[in-house]
């Protein structure tokens, strides 16, 4: 297994990740983990402009990949990151 980090050369957002995280939190809860799958072409499902996310039904179950701790930065770090909205 490998990790792929997507990044624009100008370091601007590709999509509003914090917005998608907020939607996930509102729909399934803060402590549920979800992933978005970019499937092999042989399993592609592309019938409309939709997004598919997958997760466990138990918030205690975690994926065996990703980070073990939290790290959140804001614009004060000089990175291309907006502040959280209330």
PDB file of N, CA and C in Angstrom:
ATOM      1  N   UNK A   1       0.850  -1.174   0.000  1.00  0.00           N
ATOM      2  CA  UNK A   1       0.000   0.000   0.000  1.00  0.00           C
ATOM      3  C   UNK A   1       0.893   1.234   0.000  1.00  0.00           C
ATOM      4  N   UNK A   2       0.434   2.286  -0.659  1.00  0.00           N
ATOM      5  CA  UNK A   2       1.191   3.527  -0.679  1.00  0.00           C
ATOM      6  C   UNK A   2       0.250   4.704  -0.499  1.00  0.00           C
ATOM      7  N   UNK A   3       0.818   5.830  -0.159  1.00  0.00           N
ATOM      8  CA  UNK A   3       0.064   7.069   0.032  1.00  0.00           C
ATOM      9  C   UNK A   3       0.349   7.984  -1.150  1.00  0.00           C
ATOM     10  N   UNK A   4      -0.688   8.653  -1.661  1.00  0.00           N
ATOM     11  CA  UNK A   4      -0.515   9.615  -2.731  1.00  0.00           C
ATOM     12  C   UNK A   4      -1.020  10.960  -2.229  1.00  0.00           C
ATOM     13  N   UNK A   5      -0.159  11.931  -2.168  1.00  0.00           N
ATOM     14  CA  UNK A   5      -0.512  13.267  -1.723  1.00  0.00           C
ATOM     15  C   UNK A   5      -0.653  14.147  -2.958  1.00  0.00           C
ATOM     16  N   UNK A   6      -1.849  14.640  -3.225  1.00  0.00           N
ATOM     17  CA  UNK A   6      -2.053  15.508  -4.379  1.00  0.00           C
ATOM     18  C   UNK A   6      -1.823  16.951  -3.970  1.00  0.00           C
ATOM     19  N   UNK A   7      -1.128  17.677  -4.792  1.00  0.00           N
ATOM     20  CA  UNK A   7      -0.781  19.049  -4.458  1.00  0.00           C
ATOM     21  C   UNK A   7      -0.625  19.848  -5.744  1.00  0.00           C
ATOM     22  N   UNK A   8      -1.278  20.985  -5.798  1.00  0.00           N
ATOM     23  CA  UNK A   8      -1.073  21.888  -6.925  1.00  0.00           C
ATOM     24  C   UNK A   8       0.252  22.603  -6.745  1.00  0.00           C
ATOM     25  N   UNK A   9       0.884  22.987  -7.838  1.00  0.00           N
ATOM     26  CA  UNK A   9       2.162  23.699  -7.755  1.00  0.00           C
ATOM     27  C   UNK A   9       2.035  25.005  -6.987  1.00  0.00           C
ATOM     28  N   UNK A  10       0.875  25.677  -7.110  1.00  0.00           N
ATOM     29  CA  UNK A  10       0.678  26.938  -6.398  1.00  0.00           C
ATOM     30  C   UNK A  10       0.146  26.732  -4.981  1.00  0.00           C
ATOM     31  N   UNK A  11      -0.017  25.480  -4.567  1.00  0.00           N
ATOM     32  CA  UNK A  11      -0.448  25.081  -3.229  1.00  0.00           C
ATOM     33  C   UNK A  11      -1.857  25.566  -2.874  1.00  0.00           C
ATOM     34  N   UNK A  12      -2.661  25.910  -3.879  1.00  0.00           N
ATOM     35  CA  UNK A  12      -4.049  26.291  -3.634  1.00  0.00           C
ATOM     36  C   UNK A  12      -4.903  25.026  -3.541  1.00  0.00           C
ATOM     37  N   UNK A  13      -6.076  25.103  -2.901  1.00  0.00           N
ATOM     38  CA  UNK A  13      -6.923  23.920  -2.747  1.00  0.00           C
ATOM     39  C   UNK A  13      -7.387  23.361  -4.089  1.00  0.00           C
ATOM     40  N   UNK A  14      -7.479  22.044  -4.156  1.00  0.00           N
ATOM     41  CA  UNK A  14      -8.045  21.370  -5.314  1.00  0.00           C
ATOM     42  C   UNK A  14      -9.562  21.352  -5.161  1.00  0.00           C
ATOM     43  N   UNK A  15     -10.020  21.110  -3.941  1.00  0.00           N
ATOM     44  CA  UNK A  15     -11.421  21.242  -3.565  1.00  0.00           C
ATOM     45  C   UNK A  15     -11.418  21.634  -2.103  1.00  0.00           C
ATOM     46  N   UNK A  16     -12.534  22.076  -1.597  1.00  0.00           N
ATOM     47  CA  UNK A  16     -12.585  22.544  -0.215  1.00  0.00           C
ATOM     48  C   UNK A  16     -12.680  21.349   0.730  1.00  0.00           C
ATOM     49  N   UNK A  17     -11.531  20.819   1.131  1.00  0.00           N
ATOM     50  CA  UNK A  17     -11.462  19.648   1.987  1.00  0.00           C
ATOM     51  C   UNK A  17     -12.205  19.870   3.303  1.00  0.00           C
ATOM     52  N   UNK A  18     -12.052  21.050   3.884  1.00  0.00           N
ATOM     53  CA  UNK A  18     -12.720  21.320   5.170  1.00  0.00           C
ATOM     54  C   UNK A  18     -14.237  21.290   5.008  1.00  0.00           C
ATOM     55  N   UNK A  19     -14.742  21.684   3.857  1.00  0.00           N
ATOM     56  CA  UNK A  19     -16.179  21.633   3.619  1.00  0.00           C
ATOM     57  C   UNK A  19     -16.651  20.178   3.560  1.00  0.00           C
ATOM     58  N   UNK A  20     -15.912  19.329   2.853  1.00  0.00           N
ATOM     59  CA  UNK A  20     -16.261  17.907   2.773  1.00  0.00           C
ATOM     60  C   UNK A  20     -16.175  17.265   4.154  1.00  0.00           C
ATOM     61  N   UNK A  21     -15.166  17.625   4.956  1.00  0.00           N
ATOM     62  CA  UNK A  21     -15.037  17.103   6.324  1.00  0.00           C
ATOM     63  C   UNK A  21     -16.243  17.516   7.167  1.00  0.00           C
ATOM     64  N   UNK A  22     -16.689  18.753   7.039  1.00  0.00           N
ATOM     65  CA  UNK A  22     -17.860  19.238   7.765  1.00  0.00           C
ATOM     66  C   UNK A  22     -19.114  18.456   7.370  1.00  0.00           C
ATOM     67  N   UNK A  23     -19.290  18.208   6.079  1.00  0.00           N
ATOM     68  CA  UNK A  23     -20.445  17.428   5.610  1.00  0.00           C
ATOM     69  C   UNK A  23     -20.394  16.030   6.199  1.00  0.00           C
ATOM     70  N   UNK A  24     -19.221  15.384   6.176  1.00  0.00           N
ATOM     71  CA  UNK A  24     -19.061  14.044   6.755  1.00  0.00           C
ATOM     72  C   UNK A  24     -19.435  14.063   8.230  1.00  0.00           C
ATOM     73  N   UNK A  25     -18.941  15.051   8.966  1.00  0.00           N
ATOM     74  CA  UNK A  25     -19.246  15.154  10.399  1.00  0.00           C
ATOM     75  C   UNK A  25     -20.738  15.321  10.651  1.00  0.00           C
ATOM     76  N   UNK A  26     -21.403  16.129   9.829  1.00  0.00           N
ATOM     77  CA  UNK A  26     -22.832  16.374  10.009  1.00  0.00           C
ATOM     78  C   UNK A  26     -23.670  15.150   9.656  1.00  0.00           C
ATOM     79  N   UNK A  27     -23.232  14.370   8.687  1.00  0.00           N
ATOM     80  CA  UNK A  27     -24.018  13.212   8.252  1.00  0.00           C
ATOM     81  C   UNK A  27     -23.780  11.981   9.116  1.00  0.00           C
ATOM     82  N   UNK A  28     -22.510  11.640   9.346  1.00  0.00           N
ATOM     83  CA  UNK A  28     -22.232  10.390  10.082  1.00  0.00           C
ATOM     84  C   UNK A  28     -21.620  10.602  11.455  1.00  0.00           C
ATOM     85  N   UNK A  29     -21.023  11.769  11.733  1.00  0.00           N
ATOM     86  CA  UNK A  29     -20.466  12.045  13.051  1.00  0.00           C
ATOM     87  C   UNK A  29     -18.980  12.347  13.002  1.00  0.00           C
ATOM     88  N   UNK A  30     -18.516  13.087  14.005  1.00  0.00           N
ATOM     89  CA  UNK A  30     -17.132  13.554  14.075  1.00  0.00           C
ATOM     90  C   UNK A  30     -16.102  12.431  14.123  1.00  0.00           C
ATOM     91  N   UNK A  31     -16.395  11.343  14.807  1.00  0.00           N
ATOM     92  CA  UNK A  31     -15.394  10.296  15.024  1.00  0.00           C
ATOM     93  C   UNK A  31     -15.489   9.125  14.050  1.00  0.00           C
ATOM     94  N   UNK A  32     -16.360   9.229  13.061  1.00  0.00           N
ATOM     95  CA  UNK A  32     -16.417   8.198  12.024  1.00  0.00           C
ATOM     96  C   UNK A  32     -15.377   8.515  10.953  1.00  0.00           C
ATOM     97  N   UNK A  33     -14.685   7.497  10.483  1.00  0.00           N
ATOM     98  CA  UNK A  33     -13.745   7.674   9.384  1.00  0.00           C
ATOM     99  C   UNK A  33     -14.408   7.249   8.090  1.00  0.00           C
ATOM    100  N   UNK A  34     -14.129   7.996   7.027  1.00  0.00           N
ATOM    101  CA  UNK A  34     -14.646   7.693   5.696  1.00  0.00           C
ATOM    102  C   UNK A  34     -13.478   7.820   4.724  1.00  0.00           C
ATOM    103  N   UNK A  35     -13.562   7.098   3.627  1.00  0.00           N
ATOM    104  CA  UNK A  35     -12.575   7.229   2.557  1.00  0.00           C
ATOM    105  C   UNK A  35     -13.305   7.400   1.239  1.00  0.00           C
ATOM    106  N   UNK A  36     -12.646   8.057   0.304  1.00  0.00           N
ATOM    107  CA  UNK A  36     -13.166   8.149  -1.046  1.00  0.00           C
ATOM    108  C   UNK A  36     -12.292   7.243  -1.901  1.00  0.00           C
ATOM    109  N   UNK A  37     -12.932   6.372  -2.650  1.00  0.00           N
ATOM    110  CA  UNK A  37     -12.227   5.394  -3.467  1.00  0.00           C
ATOM    111  C   UNK A  37     -12.148   5.861  -4.911  1.00  0.00           C
ATOM    112  N   UNK A  38     -10.958   5.824  -5.464  1.00  0.00           N
ATOM    113  CA  UNK A  38     -10.759   6.049  -6.886  1.00  0.00           C
ATOM    114  C   UNK A  38     -10.448   4.672  -7.456  1.00  0.00           C
ATOM    115  N   UNK A  39     -11.461   3.995  -7.999  1.00  0.00           N
ATOM    116  CA  UNK A  39     -11.334   2.578  -8.338  1.00  0.00           C
ATOM    117  C   UNK A  39     -10.524   2.311  -9.601  1.00  0.00           C
ATOM    118  N   UNK A  40     -10.187   1.047  -9.771  1.00  0.00           N
ATOM    119  CA  UNK A  40      -9.616   0.599 -11.039  1.00  0.00           C
ATOM    120  C   UNK A  40     -10.641   0.884 -12.130  1.00  0.00           C
ATOM    121  N   UNK A  41     -10.175   1.138 -13.332  1.00  0.00           N
ATOM    122  CA  UNK A  41     -11.085   1.433 -14.444  1.00  0.00           C
ATOM    123  C   UNK A  41     -12.123   0.327 -14.636  1.00  0.00           C
ATOM    124  N   UNK A  42     -11.756  -0.912 -14.324  1.00  0.00           N
ATOM    125  CA  UNK A  42     -12.689  -2.032 -14.484  1.00  0.00           C
ATOM    126  C   UNK A  42     -13.834  -1.984 -13.479  1.00  0.00           C
ATOM    127  N   UNK A  43     -13.716  -1.170 -12.420  1.00  0.00           N
ATOM    128  CA  UNK A  43     -14.777  -1.033 -11.413  1.00  0.00           C
ATOM    129  C   UNK A  43     -15.335   0.383 -11.366  1.00  0.00           C
ATOM    130  N   UNK A  44     -15.050   1.183 -12.374  1.00  0.00           N
ATOM    131  CA  UNK A  44     -15.432   2.587 -12.389  1.00  0.00           C
ATOM    132  C   UNK A  44     -16.949   2.763 -12.380  1.00  0.00           C
ATOM    133  N   UNK A  45     -17.431   3.689 -11.558  1.00  0.00           N
ATOM    134  CA  UNK A  45     -18.839   4.072 -11.508  1.00  0.00           C
ATOM    135  C   UNK A  45     -18.863   5.587 -11.731  1.00  0.00           C
ATOM    136  N   UNK A  46     -19.184   6.011 -12.946  1.00  0.00           N
ATOM    137  CA  UNK A  46     -19.151   7.420 -13.307  1.00  0.00           C
ATOM    138  C   UNK A  46     -20.394   7.746 -14.122  1.00  0.00           C
ATOM    139  N   UNK A  47     -21.552   7.763 -13.458  1.00  0.00           N
ATOM    140  CA  UNK A  47     -22.821   7.986 -14.148  1.00  0.00           C
ATOM    141  C   UNK A  47     -23.374   9.390 -13.938  1.00  0.00           C
ATOM    142  N   UNK A  48     -22.791  10.139 -13.011  1.00  0.00           N
ATOM    143  CA  UNK A  48     -23.234  11.499 -12.723  1.00  0.00           C
ATOM    144  C   UNK A  48     -22.131  12.177 -11.928  1.00  0.00           C
ATOM    145  N   UNK A  49     -22.257  13.450 -11.706  1.00  0.00           N
ATOM    146  CA  UNK A  49     -21.272  14.175 -10.910  1.00  0.00           C
ATOM    147  C   UNK A  49     -21.556  13.910  -9.428  1.00  0.00           C
ATOM    148  N   UNK A  50     -21.181  12.701  -8.972  1.00  0.00           N
ATOM    149  CA  UNK A  50     -21.409  12.261  -7.592  1.00  0.00           C
ATOM    150  C   UNK A  50     -20.090  11.849  -6.966  1.00  0.00           C
ATOM    151  N   UNK A  51     -20.075  11.809  -5.647  1.00  0.00           N
ATOM    152  CA  UNK A  51     -18.898  11.362  -4.912  1.00  0.00           C
ATOM    153  C   UNK A  51     -19.310  10.188  -4.042  1.00  0.00           C
ATOM    154  N   UNK A  52     -18.450   9.184  -3.953  1.00  0.00           N
ATOM    155  CA  UNK A  52     -18.732   7.989  -3.165  1.00  0.00           C
ATOM    156  C   UNK A  52     -17.730   7.914  -2.026  1.00  0.00           C
ATOM    157  N   UNK A  53     -18.241   7.779  -0.805  1.00  0.00           N
ATOM    158  CA  UNK A  53     -17.397   7.642   0.371  1.00  0.00           C
ATOM    159  C   UNK A  53     -17.778   6.352   1.088  1.00  0.00           C
ATOM    160  N   UNK A  54     -16.810   5.717   1.681  1.00  0.00           N
ATOM    161  CA  UNK A  54     -17.032   4.444   2.358  1.00  0.00           C
ATOM    162  C   UNK A  54     -16.499   4.547   3.781  1.00  0.00           C
ATOM    163  N   UNK A  55     -17.188   3.872   4.697  1.00  0.00           N
ATOM    164  CA  UNK A  55     -16.749   3.899   6.091  1.00  0.00           C
ATOM    165  C   UNK A  55     -17.343   2.753   6.881  1.00  0.00           C
ATOM    166  N   UNK A  56     -16.956   2.682   8.131  1.00  0.00           N
ATOM    167  CA  UNK A  56     -17.440   1.658   9.049  1.00  0.00           C
ATOM    168  C   UNK A  56     -18.692   2.147   9.765  1.00  0.00           C
ATOM    169  N   UNK A  57     -19.522   1.230  10.188  1.00  0.00           N
ATOM    170  CA  UNK A  57     -20.732   1.605  10.922  1.00  0.00           C
ATOM    171  C   UNK A  57     -20.450   1.828  12.406  1.00  0.00           C
ATOM    172  N   UNK A  58     -19.233   1.516  12.866  1.00  0.00           N
ATOM    173  CA  UNK A  58     -18.834   1.699  14.261  1.00  0.00           C
ATOM    174  C   UNK A  58     -17.738   2.762  14.318  1.00  0.00           C
ATOM    175  N   UNK A  59     -17.949   3.878  15.042  1.00  0.00           N
ATOM    176  CA  UNK A  59     -16.936   4.937  15.078  1.00  0.00           C
ATOM    177  C   UNK A  59     -15.630   4.516  15.749  1.00  0.00           C
ATOM    178  N   UNK A  60     -15.608   3.398  16.440  1.00  0.00           N
ATOM    179  CA  UNK A  60     -14.370   2.923  17.070  1.00  0.00           C
ATOM    180  C   UNK A  60     -13.458   2.217  16.074  1.00  0.00           C
ATOM    181  N   UNK A  61     -14.030   1.788  14.932  1.00  0.00           N
ATOM    182  CA  UNK A  61     -13.214   1.133  13.907  1.00  0.00           C
ATOM    183  C   UNK A  61     -12.492   2.190  13.089  1.00  0.00           C
ATOM    184  N   UNK A  62     -11.210   1.986  12.896  1.00  0.00           N
ATOM    185  CA  UNK A  62     -10.383   2.917  12.129  1.00  0.00           C
ATOM    186  C   UNK A  62      -9.714   2.167  10.988  1.00  0.00           C
ATOM    187  N   UNK A  63      -9.417   2.882   9.925  1.00  0.00           N
ATOM    188  CA  UNK A  63      -8.719   2.291   8.792  1.00  0.00           C
ATOM    189  C   UNK A  63      -7.272   2.009   9.187  1.00  0.00           C
ATOM    190  N   UNK A  64      -6.677   0.958   8.618  1.00  0.00           N
ATOM    191  CA  UNK A  64      -5.297   0.614   8.985  1.00  0.00           C
ATOM    192  C   UNK A  64      -4.267   1.463   8.229  1.00  0.00           C
ATOM    193  N   UNK A  65      -4.635   2.668   7.843  1.00  0.00           N
ATOM    194  CA  UNK A  65      -3.729   3.591   7.168  1.00  0.00           C
ATOM    195  C   UNK A  65      -4.120   5.001   7.577  1.00  0.00           C
ATOM    196  N   UNK A  66      -3.274   5.956   7.280  1.00  0.00           N
ATOM    197  CA  UNK A  66      -3.532   7.340   7.671  1.00  0.00           C
ATOM    198  C   UNK A  66      -2.631   7.724   8.837  1.00  0.00           C
ATOM    199  N   UNK A  67      -2.983   8.774   9.517  1.00  0.00           N
ATOM    200  CA  UNK A  67      -2.161   9.300  10.615  1.00  0.00           C
ATOM    201  C   UNK A  67      -2.706   8.857  11.962  1.00  0.00           C
ATOM    202  N   UNK A  68      -1.820   8.837  12.957  1.00  0.00           N
ATOM    203  CA  UNK A  68      -2.204   8.415  14.308  1.00  0.00           C
ATOM    204  C   UNK A  68      -2.563   9.578  15.212  1.00  0.00           C
ATOM    205  N   UNK A  69      -2.294  10.814  14.776  1.00  0.00           N
ATOM    206  CA  UNK A  69      -2.574  11.964  15.627  1.00  0.00           C
ATOM    207  C   UNK A  69      -3.130  13.103  14.780  1.00  0.00           C
ATOM    208  N   UNK A  70      -3.588  14.143  15.458  1.00  0.00           N
ATOM    209  CA  UNK A  70      -4.213  15.294  14.811  1.00  0.00           C
ATOM    210  C   UNK A  70      -3.170  16.391  14.603  1.00  0.00           C
ATOM    211  N   UNK A  71      -3.212  17.053  13.449  1.00  0.00           N
ATOM    212  CA  UNK A  71      -2.366  18.201  13.149  1.00  0.00           C
ATOM    213  C   UNK A  71      -3.172  19.134  12.257  1.00  0.00           C
ATOM    214  N   UNK A  72      -3.499  20.324  12.767  1.00  0.00           N
ATOM    215  CA  UNK A  72      -4.328  21.282  12.033  1.00  0.00           C
ATOM    216  C   UNK A  72      -3.582  22.610  12.005  1.00  0.00           C
ATOM    217  N   UNK A  73      -3.481  23.214  10.828  1.00  0.00           N
ATOM    218  CA  UNK A  73      -2.804  24.502  10.727  1.00  0.00           C
ATOM    219  C   UNK A  73      -3.745  25.525  10.115  1.00  0.00           C
ATOM    220  N   UNK A  74      -3.477  26.767  10.411  1.00  0.00           N
ATOM    221  CA  UNK A  74      -4.259  27.873   9.877  1.00  0.00           C
ATOM    222  C   UNK A  74      -3.373  28.779   9.053  1.00  0.00           C
ATOM    223  N   UNK A  75      -3.904  29.902   8.622  1.00  0.00           N
ATOM    224  CA  UNK A  75      -3.145  30.806   7.753  1.00  0.00           C
ATOM    225  C   UNK A  75      -1.916  31.407   8.442  1.00  0.00           C
ATOM    226  N   UNK A  76      -1.872  31.378   9.770  1.00  0.00           N
ATOM    227  CA  UNK A  76      -0.726  31.938  10.492  1.00  0.00           C
ATOM    228  C   UNK A  76       0.565  31.173  10.225  1.00  0.00           C
ATOM    229  N   UNK A  77       0.458  29.972   9.671  1.00  0.00           N
ATOM    230  CA  UNK A  77       1.643  29.158   9.376  1.00  0.00           C
ATOM    231  C   UNK A  77       2.271  29.533   8.038  1.00  0.00           C
ATOM    232  N   UNK A  78       1.576  30.369   7.238  1.00  0.00           N
ATOM    233  CA  UNK A  78       2.077  30.729   5.924  1.00  0.00           C
ATOM    234  C   UNK A  78       1.666  29.733   4.851  1.00  0.00           C
ATOM    235  N   UNK A  79       0.941  28.694   5.243  1.00  0.00           N
ATOM    236  CA  UNK A  79       0.459  27.715   4.286  1.00  0.00           C
ATOM    237  C   UNK A  79      -0.852  28.191   3.676  1.00  0.00           C
ATOM    238  N   UNK A  80      -1.241  27.613   2.555  1.00  0.00           N
ATOM    239  CA  UNK A  80      -2.500  27.968   1.904  1.00  0.00           C
ATOM    240  C   UNK A  80      -3.643  27.282   2.633  1.00  0.00           C
ATOM    241  N   UNK A  81      -4.051  27.849   3.724  1.00  0.00           N
ATOM    242  CA  UNK A  81      -5.102  27.250   4.549  1.00  0.00           C
ATOM    243  C   UNK A  81      -6.003  28.369   5.060  1.00  0.00           C
ATOM    244  N   UNK A  82      -7.271  28.210   4.897  1.00  0.00           N
ATOM    245  CA  UNK A  82      -8.184  29.219   5.400  1.00  0.00           C
ATOM    246  C   UNK A  82      -8.558  28.879   6.854  1.00  0.00           C
ATOM    247  N   UNK A  83      -9.144  29.825   7.535  1.00  0.00           N
ATOM    248  CA  UNK A  83      -9.571  29.587   8.902  1.00  0.00           C
ATOM    249  C   UNK A  83     -10.846  28.756   8.899  1.00  0.00           C
ATOM    250  N   UNK A  84     -11.112  28.076  10.003  1.00  0.00           N
ATOM    251  CA  UNK A  84     -12.364  27.346  10.148  1.00  0.00           C
ATOM    252  C   UNK A  84     -13.491  28.344  10.343  1.00  0.00           C
ATOM    253  N   UNK A  85     -14.636  28.041   9.744  1.00  0.00           N
ATOM    254  CA  UNK A  85     -15.817  28.868   9.959  1.00  0.00           C
ATOM    255  C   UNK A  85     -16.565  28.319  11.156  1.00  0.00           C
ATOM    256  N   UNK A  86     -17.269  29.179  11.873  1.00  0.00           N
ATOM    257  CA  UNK A  86     -18.060  28.729  13.014  1.00  0.00           C
ATOM    258  C   UNK A  86     -19.258  27.923  12.534  1.00  0.00           C
TER     259      UNK A  86
END
